[in-house]
């Protein structure tokens, strides 16, 4: 799906949920690994937790920036 969206020129963000289940170090490592695997910039991969609200502001800002570009 990411390749398809890239071909269409659609910007993407990947939200990694359940961030509250990881330590901060594991979360950073997880973002780096997934960024490399999916060939995305690290700022396109955002840790998020609905339970704690972690990453909420970052995700909102990223979505807002994408919408403003359209």
PDB file of N, CA and C in Angstrom:
ATOM      1  N   UNK A   1       0.825  -1.183   0.000  1.00  0.00           N
ATOM      2  CA  UNK A   1       0.000   0.000   0.000  1.00  0.00           C
ATOM      3  C   UNK A   1       0.875   1.254   0.000  1.00  0.00           C
ATOM      4  N   UNK A   2       1.962   1.232   0.759  1.00  0.00           N
ATOM      5  CA  UNK A   2       2.852   2.397   0.782  1.00  0.00           C
ATOM      6  C   UNK A   2       3.446   2.676  -0.596  1.00  0.00           C
ATOM      7  N   UNK A   3       3.824   1.631  -1.312  1.00  0.00           N
ATOM      8  CA  UNK A   3       4.356   1.814  -2.663  1.00  0.00           C
ATOM      9  C   UNK A   3       3.298   2.413  -3.585  1.00  0.00           C
ATOM     10  N   UNK A   4       2.075   1.933  -3.485  1.00  0.00           N
ATOM     11  CA  UNK A   4       0.975   2.442  -4.299  1.00  0.00           C
ATOM     12  C   UNK A   4       0.743   3.921  -4.011  1.00  0.00           C
ATOM     13  N   UNK A   5       0.692   4.273  -2.732  1.00  0.00           N
ATOM     14  CA  UNK A   5       0.485   5.675  -2.371  1.00  0.00           C
ATOM     15  C   UNK A   5       1.642   6.550  -2.839  1.00  0.00           C
ATOM     16  N   UNK A   6       2.860   6.029  -2.758  1.00  0.00           N
ATOM     17  CA  UNK A   6       4.025   6.780  -3.223  1.00  0.00           C
ATOM     18  C   UNK A   6       3.944   7.020  -4.725  1.00  0.00           C
ATOM     19  N   UNK A   7       3.517   6.009  -5.481  1.00  0.00           N
ATOM     20  CA  UNK A   7       3.362   6.164  -6.935  1.00  0.00           C
ATOM     21  C   UNK A   7       2.350   7.252  -7.267  1.00  0.00           C
ATOM     22  N   UNK A   8       1.324   7.366  -6.455  1.00  0.00           N
ATOM     23  CA  UNK A   8       0.308   8.392  -6.667  1.00  0.00           C
ATOM     24  C   UNK A   8       0.724   9.756  -6.119  1.00  0.00           C
ATOM     25  N   UNK A   9       1.830   9.787  -5.393  1.00  0.00           N
ATOM     26  CA  UNK A   9       2.291  11.037  -4.802  1.00  0.00           C
ATOM     27  C   UNK A   9       1.541  11.427  -3.540  1.00  0.00           C
ATOM     28  N   UNK A  10       0.915  10.445  -2.908  1.00  0.00           N
ATOM     29  CA  UNK A  10       0.156  10.700  -1.683  1.00  0.00           C
ATOM     30  C   UNK A  10       1.100  10.591  -0.491  1.00  0.00           C
ATOM     31  N   UNK A  11       1.243  11.660   0.283  1.00  0.00           N
ATOM     32  CA  UNK A  11       2.123  11.591   1.456  1.00  0.00           C
ATOM     33  C   UNK A  11       1.532  10.655   2.502  1.00  0.00           C
ATOM     34  N   UNK A  12       2.404   9.993   3.250  1.00  0.00           N
ATOM     35  CA  UNK A  12       1.930   9.017   4.227  1.00  0.00           C
ATOM     36  C   UNK A  12       2.564   9.234   5.600  1.00  0.00           C
ATOM     37  N   UNK A  13       1.830   8.800   6.598  1.00  0.00           N
ATOM     38  CA  UNK A  13       2.301   8.770   7.976  1.00  0.00           C
ATOM     39  C   UNK A  13       1.937   7.394   8.506  1.00  0.00           C
ATOM     40  N   UNK A  14       2.851   6.786   9.234  1.00  0.00           N
ATOM     41  CA  UNK A  14       2.576   5.512   9.869  1.00  0.00           C
ATOM     42  C   UNK A  14       2.486   5.761  11.370  1.00  0.00           C
ATOM     43  N   UNK A  15       1.339   5.420  11.952  1.00  0.00           N
ATOM     44  CA  UNK A  15       1.151   5.566  13.396  1.00  0.00           C
ATOM     45  C   UNK A  15       1.338   4.197  14.041  1.00  0.00           C
ATOM     46  N   UNK A  16       2.329   4.113  14.909  1.00  0.00           N
ATOM     47  CA  UNK A  16       2.604   2.874  15.625  1.00  0.00           C
ATOM     48  C   UNK A  16       1.865   2.933  16.960  1.00  0.00           C
ATOM     49  N   UNK A  17       0.804   2.172  17.068  1.00  0.00           N
ATOM     50  CA  UNK A  17      -0.014   2.212  18.268  1.00  0.00           C
ATOM     51  C   UNK A  17       0.589   1.363  19.379  1.00  0.00           C
ATOM     52  N   UNK A  18      -0.006   1.447  20.533  1.00  0.00           N
ATOM     53  CA  UNK A  18       0.431   0.707  21.725  1.00  0.00           C
ATOM     54  C   UNK A  18       1.796   1.177  22.224  1.00  0.00           C
ATOM     55  N   UNK A  19       2.116   2.442  22.013  1.00  0.00           N
ATOM     56  CA  UNK A  19       3.411   2.982  22.432  1.00  0.00           C
ATOM     57  C   UNK A  19       3.619   2.852  23.933  1.00  0.00           C
ATOM     58  N   UNK A  20       2.537   2.809  24.686  1.00  0.00           N
ATOM     59  CA  UNK A  20       2.651   2.693  26.139  1.00  0.00           C
ATOM     60  C   UNK A  20       3.174   1.322  26.575  1.00  0.00           C
ATOM     61  N   UNK A  21       3.227   0.376  25.662  1.00  0.00           N
ATOM     62  CA  UNK A  21       3.696  -0.973  25.984  1.00  0.00           C
ATOM     63  C   UNK A  21       5.222  -1.099  25.884  1.00  0.00           C
ATOM     64  N   UNK A  22       5.889  -0.069  25.366  1.00  0.00           N
ATOM     65  CA  UNK A  22       7.332  -0.121  25.157  1.00  0.00           C
ATOM     66  C   UNK A  22       8.064   0.875  26.046  1.00  0.00           C
ATOM     67  N   UNK A  23       9.311   0.563  26.361  1.00  0.00           N
ATOM     68  CA  UNK A  23      10.154   1.549  27.021  1.00  0.00           C
ATOM     69  C   UNK A  23      10.515   2.616  25.996  1.00  0.00           C
ATOM     70  N   UNK A  24      10.987   3.767  26.458  1.00  0.00           N
ATOM     71  CA  UNK A  24      11.381   4.843  25.533  1.00  0.00           C
ATOM     72  C   UNK A  24      12.470   4.369  24.576  1.00  0.00           C
ATOM     73  N   UNK A  25      13.440   3.618  25.103  1.00  0.00           N
ATOM     74  CA  UNK A  25      14.533   3.114  24.258  1.00  0.00           C
ATOM     75  C   UNK A  25      14.008   2.140  23.215  1.00  0.00           C
ATOM     76  N   UNK A  26      13.125   1.246  23.625  1.00  0.00           N
ATOM     77  CA  UNK A  26      12.549   0.287  22.677  1.00  0.00           C
ATOM     78  C   UNK A  26      11.695   0.996  21.630  1.00  0.00           C
ATOM     79  N   UNK A  27      10.996   2.035  22.047  1.00  0.00           N
ATOM     80  CA  UNK A  27      10.159   2.796  21.109  1.00  0.00           C
ATOM     81  C   UNK A  27      11.022   3.470  20.044  1.00  0.00           C
ATOM     82  N   UNK A  28      12.141   4.091  20.464  1.00  0.00           N
ATOM     83  CA  UNK A  28      13.042   4.734  19.492  1.00  0.00           C
ATOM     84  C   UNK A  28      13.611   3.704  18.532  1.00  0.00           C
ATOM     85  N   UNK A  29      14.009   2.569  19.059  1.00  0.00           N
ATOM     86  CA  UNK A  29      14.552   1.495  18.226  1.00  0.00           C
ATOM     87  C   UNK A  29      13.497   0.981  17.253  1.00  0.00           C
ATOM     88  N   UNK A  30      12.271   0.871  17.733  1.00  0.00           N
ATOM     89  CA  UNK A  30      11.159   0.403  16.911  1.00  0.00           C
ATOM     90  C   UNK A  30      10.896   1.360  15.745  1.00  0.00           C
ATOM     91  N   UNK A  31      10.891   2.653  16.032  1.00  0.00           N
ATOM     92  CA  UNK A  31      10.685   3.652  14.978  1.00  0.00           C
ATOM     93  C   UNK A  31      11.802   3.568  13.946  1.00  0.00           C
ATOM     94  N   UNK A  32      13.037   3.477  14.407  1.00  0.00           N
ATOM     95  CA  UNK A  32      14.171   3.400  13.484  1.00  0.00           C
ATOM     96  C   UNK A  32      14.087   2.151  12.608  1.00  0.00           C
ATOM     97  N   UNK A  33      13.782   1.029  13.211  1.00  0.00           N
ATOM     98  CA  UNK A  33      13.701  -0.235  12.466  1.00  0.00           C
ATOM     99  C   UNK A  33      12.578  -0.204  11.426  1.00  0.00           C
ATOM    100  N   UNK A  34      11.416   0.267  11.824  1.00  0.00           N
ATOM    101  CA  UNK A  34      10.283   0.320  10.897  1.00  0.00           C
ATOM    102  C   UNK A  34      10.537   1.342   9.800  1.00  0.00           C
ATOM    103  N   UNK A  35      11.152   2.469  10.144  1.00  0.00           N
ATOM    104  CA  UNK A  35      11.497   3.477   9.133  1.00  0.00           C
ATOM    105  C   UNK A  35      12.409   2.880   8.070  1.00  0.00           C
ATOM    106  N   UNK A  36      13.438   2.165   8.524  1.00  0.00           N
ATOM    107  CA  UNK A  36      14.362   1.524   7.572  1.00  0.00           C
ATOM    108  C   UNK A  36      13.648   0.473   6.728  1.00  0.00           C
ATOM    109  N   UNK A  37      12.872  -0.362   7.378  1.00  0.00           N
ATOM    110  CA  UNK A  37      12.190  -1.458   6.685  1.00  0.00           C
ATOM    111  C   UNK A  37      11.232  -0.938   5.618  1.00  0.00           C
ATOM    112  N   UNK A  38      10.510   0.116   5.939  1.00  0.00           N
ATOM    113  CA  UNK A  38       9.522   0.667   5.004  1.00  0.00           C
ATOM    114  C   UNK A  38      10.086   1.764   4.111  1.00  0.00           C
ATOM    115  N   UNK A  39      11.378   2.060   4.276  1.00  0.00           N
ATOM    116  CA  UNK A  39      12.047   3.110   3.497  1.00  0.00           C
ATOM    117  C   UNK A  39      11.329   4.455   3.664  1.00  0.00           C
ATOM    118  N   UNK A  40      11.022   4.789   4.913  1.00  0.00           N
ATOM    119  CA  UNK A  40      10.373   6.051   5.233  1.00  0.00           C
ATOM    120  C   UNK A  40      11.320   6.910   6.054  1.00  0.00           C
ATOM    121  N   UNK A  41      11.074   8.206   6.033  1.00  0.00           N
ATOM    122  CA  UNK A  41      11.812   9.114   6.903  1.00  0.00           C
ATOM    123  C   UNK A  41      11.319   8.878   8.330  1.00  0.00           C
ATOM    124  N   UNK A  42      12.192   9.004   9.306  1.00  0.00           N
ATOM    125  CA  UNK A  42      11.763   8.786  10.688  1.00  0.00           C
ATOM    126  C   UNK A  42      10.593   9.669  11.129  1.00  0.00           C
ATOM    127  N   UNK A  43      10.475  10.880  10.566  1.00  0.00           N
ATOM    128  CA  UNK A  43       9.357  11.737  10.966  1.00  0.00           C
ATOM    129  C   UNK A  43       8.020  11.299  10.365  1.00  0.00           C
ATOM    130  N   UNK A  44       8.053  10.299   9.478  1.00  0.00           N
ATOM    131  CA  UNK A  44       6.817   9.739   8.935  1.00  0.00           C
ATOM    132  C   UNK A  44       6.286   8.603   9.802  1.00  0.00           C
ATOM    133  N   UNK A  45       7.057   8.193  10.782  1.00  0.00           N
ATOM    134  CA  UNK A  45       6.667   7.096  11.664  1.00  0.00           C
ATOM    135  C   UNK A  45       6.517   7.665  13.073  1.00  0.00           C
ATOM    136  N   UNK A  46       5.299   7.606  13.597  1.00  0.00           N
ATOM    137  CA  UNK A  46       5.003   8.245  14.872  1.00  0.00           C
ATOM    138  C   UNK A  46       4.457   7.216  15.858  1.00  0.00           C
ATOM    139  N   UNK A  47       5.091   7.161  17.020  1.00  0.00           N
ATOM    140  CA  UNK A  47       4.599   6.315  18.105  1.00  0.00           C
ATOM    141  C   UNK A  47       3.346   6.976  18.684  1.00  0.00           C
ATOM    142  N   UNK A  48       2.329   6.172  18.989  1.00  0.00           N
ATOM    143  CA  UNK A  48       1.082   6.719  19.506  1.00  0.00           C
ATOM    144  C   UNK A  48       0.481   5.776  20.544  1.00  0.00           C
ATOM    145  N   UNK A  49      -0.090   6.362  21.574  1.00  0.00           N
ATOM    146  CA  UNK A  49      -0.820   5.592  22.581  1.00  0.00           C
ATOM    147  C   UNK A  49      -2.135   6.290  22.877  1.00  0.00           C
ATOM    148  N   UNK A  50      -3.230   5.616  22.603  1.00  0.00           N
ATOM    149  CA  UNK A  50      -4.537   6.176  22.937  1.00  0.00           C
ATOM    150  C   UNK A  50      -4.727   6.206  24.450  1.00  0.00           C
ATOM    151  N   UNK A  51      -4.107   5.283  25.132  1.00  0.00           N
ATOM    152  CA  UNK A  51      -4.264   5.193  26.580  1.00  0.00           C
ATOM    153  C   UNK A  51      -3.583   6.355  27.303  1.00  0.00           C
ATOM    154  N   UNK A  52      -2.348   6.671  26.928  1.00  0.00           N
ATOM    155  CA  UNK A  52      -1.611   7.727  27.626  1.00  0.00           C
ATOM    156  C   UNK A  52      -1.614   9.063  26.881  1.00  0.00           C
ATOM    157  N   UNK A  53      -1.975   9.042  25.619  1.00  0.00           N
ATOM    158  CA  UNK A  53      -1.946  10.259  24.812  1.00  0.00           C
ATOM    159  C   UNK A  53      -0.587  10.533  24.200  1.00  0.00           C
ATOM    160  N   UNK A  54       0.379   9.652  24.473  1.00  0.00           N
ATOM    161  CA  UNK A  54       1.723   9.828  23.905  1.00  0.00           C
ATOM    162  C   UNK A  54       1.641   9.870  22.381  1.00  0.00           C
ATOM    163  N   UNK A  55       2.304  10.846  21.793  1.00  0.00           N
ATOM    164  CA  UNK A  55       2.352  10.983  20.343  1.00  0.00           C
ATOM    165  C   UNK A  55       1.144  11.679  19.741  1.00  0.00           C
ATOM    166  N   UNK A  56       0.173  12.019  20.566  1.00  0.00           N
ATOM    167  CA  UNK A  56      -1.059  12.648  20.067  1.00  0.00           C
ATOM    168  C   UNK A  56      -0.771  13.964  19.365  1.00  0.00           C
ATOM    169  N   UNK A  57       0.001  14.814  20.010  1.00  0.00           N
ATOM    170  CA  UNK A  57       0.307  16.123  19.426  1.00  0.00           C
ATOM    171  C   UNK A  57       1.139  15.962  18.165  1.00  0.00           C
ATOM    172  N   UNK A  58       2.134  15.088  18.196  1.00  0.00           N
ATOM    173  CA  UNK A  58       2.985  14.862  17.021  1.00  0.00           C
ATOM    174  C   UNK A  58       2.171  14.361  15.836  1.00  0.00           C
ATOM    175  N   UNK A  59       1.246  13.424  16.108  1.00  0.00           N
ATOM    176  CA  UNK A  59       0.406  12.889  15.040  1.00  0.00           C
ATOM    177  C   UNK A  59      -0.530  13.960  14.490  1.00  0.00           C
ATOM    178  N   UNK A  60      -1.118  14.733  15.369  1.00  0.00           N
ATOM    179  CA  UNK A  60      -2.003  15.822  14.943  1.00  0.00           C
ATOM    180  C   UNK A  60      -1.253  16.839  14.095  1.00  0.00           C
ATOM    181  N   UNK A  61      -0.054  17.218  14.532  1.00  0.00           N
ATOM    182  CA  UNK A  61       0.740  18.175  13.762  1.00  0.00           C
ATOM    183  C   UNK A  61       1.124  17.620  12.399  1.00  0.00           C
ATOM    184  N   UNK A  62       1.491  16.353  12.334  1.00  0.00           N
ATOM    185  CA  UNK A  62       1.875  15.734  11.060  1.00  0.00           C
ATOM    186  C   UNK A  62       0.689  15.694  10.106  1.00  0.00           C
ATOM    187  N   UNK A  63      -0.473  15.320  10.618  1.00  0.00           N
ATOM    188  CA  UNK A  63      -1.674  15.276   9.771  1.00  0.00           C
ATOM    189  C   UNK A  63      -2.041  16.677   9.301  1.00  0.00           C
ATOM    190  N   UNK A  64      -1.953  17.649  10.194  1.00  0.00           N
ATOM    191  CA  UNK A  64      -2.272  19.029   9.835  1.00  0.00           C
ATOM    192  C   UNK A  64      -1.347  19.523   8.722  1.00  0.00           C
ATOM    193  N   UNK A  65      -0.062  19.241   8.838  1.00  0.00           N
ATOM    194  CA  UNK A  65       0.887  19.643   7.794  1.00  0.00           C
ATOM    195  C   UNK A  65       0.559  19.009   6.451  1.00  0.00           C
ATOM    196  N   UNK A  66       0.169  17.745   6.464  1.00  0.00           N
ATOM    197  CA  UNK A  66      -0.178  17.069   5.211  1.00  0.00           C
ATOM    198  C   UNK A  66      -1.432  17.682   4.588  1.00  0.00           C
ATOM    199  N   UNK A  67      -2.416  17.973   5.410  1.00  0.00           N
ATOM    200  CA  UNK A  67      -3.668  18.548   4.909  1.00  0.00           C
ATOM    201  C   UNK A  67      -3.424  19.939   4.341  1.00  0.00           C
ATOM    202  N   UNK A  68      -2.549  20.705   4.973  1.00  0.00           N
ATOM    203  CA  UNK A  68      -2.264  22.050   4.489  1.00  0.00           C
ATOM    204  C   UNK A  68      -1.574  22.030   3.130  1.00  0.00           C
ATOM    205  N   UNK A  69      -0.870  20.953   2.824  1.00  0.00           N
ATOM    206  CA  UNK A  69      -0.178  20.839   1.534  1.00  0.00           C
ATOM    207  C   UNK A  69      -1.136  20.560   0.382  1.00  0.00           C
ATOM    208  N   UNK A  70      -2.310  20.047   0.707  1.00  0.00           N
ATOM    209  CA  UNK A  70      -3.273  19.660  -0.344  1.00  0.00           C
ATOM    210  C   UNK A  70      -4.012  20.837  -0.871  1.00  0.00           C
TER     211      UNK A  70
END
